[in-house]
Protein backbone atom coordinates (compact mmCIF):
# COMPACT_ATOMS: atom_id res chain seq x y z
CA MET A 1 22.33 75.22 155.84
CA ALA A 2 23.06 77.11 159.58
CA GLN A 3 25.11 80.00 158.84
CA LEU A 4 27.65 81.14 161.24
CA LYS A 5 27.57 84.98 161.86
CA SER A 6 31.15 86.78 162.25
CA LEU A 7 31.74 88.07 165.81
CA ARG A 8 33.28 91.13 164.06
CA ASP A 9 30.12 92.21 162.37
CA GLN A 10 27.98 94.84 163.75
CA PRO A 11 23.99 93.83 164.19
CA ASN A 12 21.99 93.84 161.06
CA THR A 13 24.79 94.85 158.74
CA GLN A 14 26.40 93.43 155.70
CA ARG A 15 29.59 93.06 154.17
CA GLU A 16 30.17 94.77 150.41
CA TYR A 17 31.90 92.43 148.03
CA GLU A 18 33.13 92.88 144.24
CA THR A 19 33.52 89.60 142.34
CA ILE A 20 35.09 89.66 138.89
CA PHE A 21 34.97 86.01 136.93
CA ILE A 22 36.05 85.06 133.31
CA LEU A 23 34.09 82.83 131.27
CA LYS A 24 35.54 80.73 128.29
CA PRO A 25 34.95 82.94 125.15
CA ASP A 26 32.98 80.54 123.11
CA THR A 27 30.22 80.42 125.79
CA ALA A 28 27.02 81.24 124.52
CA ASN A 29 24.64 83.92 125.67
CA GLU A 30 22.30 81.37 127.51
CA SER A 31 25.02 80.01 129.37
CA VAL A 32 26.37 83.35 130.83
CA ALA A 33 22.32 84.33 131.83
CA GLN A 34 22.30 80.46 133.44
CA VAL A 35 25.21 81.61 135.43
CA ASN A 36 23.99 84.84 136.07
CA ALA A 37 20.83 83.24 137.45
CA ARG A 38 22.73 81.14 139.79
CA LEU A 39 24.72 83.65 141.40
CA ARG A 40 21.91 85.83 141.63
CA GLY A 41 19.60 82.92 143.62
CA ILE A 42 22.76 82.01 145.94
CA VAL A 43 23.40 85.99 147.00
CA GLU A 44 19.08 86.28 147.43
CA THR A 45 19.15 82.67 149.27
CA TYR A 46 21.74 84.17 151.74
CA GLY A 47 19.70 87.13 152.45
CA GLY A 48 22.11 89.21 149.87
CA LYS A 49 21.61 91.56 147.73
CA VAL A 50 22.92 92.18 144.25
CA LEU A 51 23.95 96.33 143.84
CA LYS A 52 25.50 95.87 140.16
CA CYS A 53 25.88 92.59 137.65
CA ASP A 54 28.07 93.99 134.46
CA ASN A 55 29.14 92.01 131.60
CA TRP A 56 32.66 93.72 130.55
CA GLY A 57 32.42 91.73 127.62
CA LYS A 58 35.09 89.54 125.61
CA ARG A 59 38.66 90.39 126.09
CA LYS A 60 42.27 89.62 125.23
CA LEU A 61 43.56 87.77 128.66
CA ALA A 62 46.87 88.67 129.58
CA TYR A 63 48.85 85.45 129.69
CA GLU A 64 46.82 81.89 128.86
CA ILE A 65 44.35 80.39 131.27
CA ARG A 66 43.38 76.93 130.69
CA LYS A 67 44.38 77.20 127.08
CA GLN A 68 42.30 79.90 126.81
CA LEU A 69 43.68 83.63 124.98
CA LYS A 70 40.24 85.25 125.64
CA GLY A 71 37.87 85.20 128.09
CA ILE A 72 34.33 87.19 128.83
CA TYR A 73 34.62 88.92 131.75
CA LEU A 74 31.87 89.78 134.63
CA TYR A 75 31.77 91.97 137.36
CA TRP A 76 29.44 91.43 140.45
CA GLN A 77 28.66 94.52 143.26
CA TYR A 78 27.02 92.95 146.10
CA LEU A 79 25.99 93.18 150.07
CA ALA A 80 25.86 90.00 151.47
CA THR A 81 26.91 87.93 154.53
CA ALA A 82 29.92 86.48 155.44
CA GLY A 83 29.14 82.71 154.22
CA THR A 84 27.65 83.74 150.84
CA VAL A 85 31.31 83.75 149.30
CA GLU A 86 32.05 80.81 150.11
CA GLU A 87 29.17 79.22 148.25
CA ILE A 88 29.28 81.39 145.37
CA GLU A 89 33.13 80.27 145.11
CA ARG A 90 32.08 76.97 145.26
CA ASN A 91 29.57 77.14 142.57
CA LEU A 92 32.13 79.16 140.24
CA ARG A 93 34.70 76.24 140.80
CA MET A 94 32.18 73.40 139.61
CA LEU A 95 31.40 75.13 136.61
CA ASP A 96 33.08 74.34 133.53
CA ASN A 97 32.85 77.64 131.87
CA VAL A 98 34.42 79.68 134.28
CA ILE A 99 38.16 80.12 134.05
CA ARG A 100 38.92 82.30 136.51
CA PHE A 101 37.31 84.17 139.81
CA ASN A 102 38.60 86.84 142.18
CA THR A 103 36.47 88.30 145.31
CA ILE A 104 37.43 91.62 147.23
CA LYS A 105 35.91 92.91 150.52
CA VAL A 106 35.14 96.28 149.74
CA ASP A 107 33.86 97.08 153.20
CA MET A 108 32.09 96.10 156.37
CA ASP A 109 29.32 96.66 158.59
CA ILE A 110 27.32 98.22 155.80
CA ASP A 111 23.29 99.09 156.12
CA SER A 112 21.53 96.91 153.13
CA THR A 113 18.33 99.30 153.05
CA ALA A 114 21.02 102.69 152.45
CA ARG A 115 22.43 101.12 149.87
CA PRO A 116 20.17 100.99 146.60
CA THR A 117 20.57 98.51 143.81
CA GLU A 118 21.03 99.45 140.37
CA VAL A 119 20.16 96.04 139.28
CA SER A 120 16.56 95.69 137.11
CA ASP A 121 15.08 93.22 134.52
CA GLU A 122 16.81 95.51 131.71
CA THR A 123 20.12 95.05 133.35
CA TRP A 124 20.16 91.16 133.78
CA VAL A 125 19.20 90.86 130.06
CA LYS A 126 22.42 92.99 129.20
CA ALA A 127 24.44 91.41 131.62
CA SER A 128 23.67 87.85 129.63
CA THR A 129 24.56 89.48 126.20
CA THR A 130 28.03 89.25 125.40
CA ALA A 131 28.63 91.61 122.15
CA ALA A 132 31.82 90.44 119.57
CA ASP A 133 35.35 91.80 120.50
CA GLU A 134 37.43 93.75 118.22
CA GLU A 135 39.25 91.27 116.56
CA GLU A 136 35.82 89.51 115.18
CA ILE A 137 34.56 92.95 114.15
CA MET A 138 37.58 93.71 112.26
CA THR A 139 37.64 90.24 110.53
CA GLY A 140 34.06 90.15 109.79
CA GLN A 141 33.51 87.18 111.88
CA ALA A 142 31.16 88.97 113.77
CA ARG A 143 27.30 89.24 113.31
CA ASN A 144 26.40 92.31 112.06
CA PRO A 145 23.80 93.87 115.12
CA PHE A 146 21.89 95.76 112.14
CA ALA A 147 21.40 93.18 109.58
CA THR A 148 17.87 91.20 109.26
CA ASP A 149 17.87 88.16 108.13
CA ASP A 150 15.80 89.14 105.04
CA ASP A 151 19.61 90.71 103.72
CA ASP A 152 20.57 87.40 101.90
CA ASP A 153 22.45 87.45 98.79
CA ILE A 154 20.46 87.34 95.72
CA ASP A 155 19.43 83.65 94.75
CA PRO A 156 21.53 83.27 91.31
CA GLU A 157 19.13 80.58 89.83
CA ALA A 158 16.12 83.53 90.48
CA GLU A 159 18.06 86.63 88.48
CA GLU A 160 19.03 83.58 85.56
CA ALA A 161 15.23 82.79 85.56
CA ALA A 162 14.17 87.01 85.50
CA LEU A 163 17.27 88.00 82.79
CA ALA A 164 15.39 84.61 80.61
CA ALA A 165 12.14 85.85 80.98
CA ALA A 166 13.06 89.65 80.47
CA PRO A 167 12.62 91.13 76.61
CA GLU A 168 15.77 91.43 74.83
CA GLY A 169 15.66 95.56 74.70
CA ASP A 170 14.84 95.53 78.12
CA VAL A 171 18.24 93.04 78.92
CA VAL A 172 21.34 95.28 79.72
CA ALA A 173 24.47 94.10 77.73
CA PRO A 174 27.70 93.65 79.64
CA ALA A 175 30.29 96.52 78.83
CA ALA A 176 32.02 94.21 76.81
CA GLU A 177 29.16 93.90 73.88
CA PRO A 178 28.73 97.54 73.23
CA ALA A 179 32.29 97.53 72.13
CA ALA A 180 31.65 95.07 69.59
CA ALA A 181 28.76 96.59 68.41
CA VAL A 182 30.13 99.80 67.47
CA GLU A 183 33.10 97.72 65.46
CA GLY A 184 29.92 96.08 63.91
CA LYS A 185 28.20 99.45 62.46
CA GLU A 186 31.62 100.80 61.06
């Protein structure tokens, strides 16, 4: 696709943009990663450079948007030419998981070699992972990040089998039985 250069831009410079978009709160981390990969591909295809990509997490919206009260906020800062923003916004409009987006032109005539990127492979993984929000943590709906799969509750059948196999002297009696045993000794 031929891209028209703006006559207002200086030669060999790009514009700096910030894009914030909100995804539905039930979006899986894999889908967040797919959206990030799609936008990264667009920016790089058009000769741009991603400076920063950050996942702000799941937050409560100020008002209901498309019947959603919460959303996953993603922040992008990048250098690009004039036509890149239109392509990014066109793709964001097509995605069902995207509730809202906003792009702001921060600066013009930026030399892309002078601006270092803060994005690494670790940053992409972190940007595609959404942490639980405060409400999920407080209600216990969130998965404990420190829990392992081996932390399951005790199997009641195995407990009964162990109690049945143990000798009489080794079994600890419930609290009510010692009081009855004391009455029997009198």
